[in-house]
């Protein structure tokens, strides 16, 4: 995530959404976001360590990959 944030142009808006927001991610968000707003529904919970997250980098020039 830090590498992604470092590669974003400074004139772009950054928005972070998560069903769970561990303390490390919260610290990263507070460091990189300008005037962050937090919306919490219910209580904070513990992150499930069994969840696997994947990301895919798409080519900006290929319109077929956008949807």
Foldseek 3Di string as FASTA:
>chain_A
DVVVLVPDDPVDADDDDDPAQDPVNVVVCVVRHDPDDDDDDDDHDDDDPPDDDDDDDDDPVDPVPPD
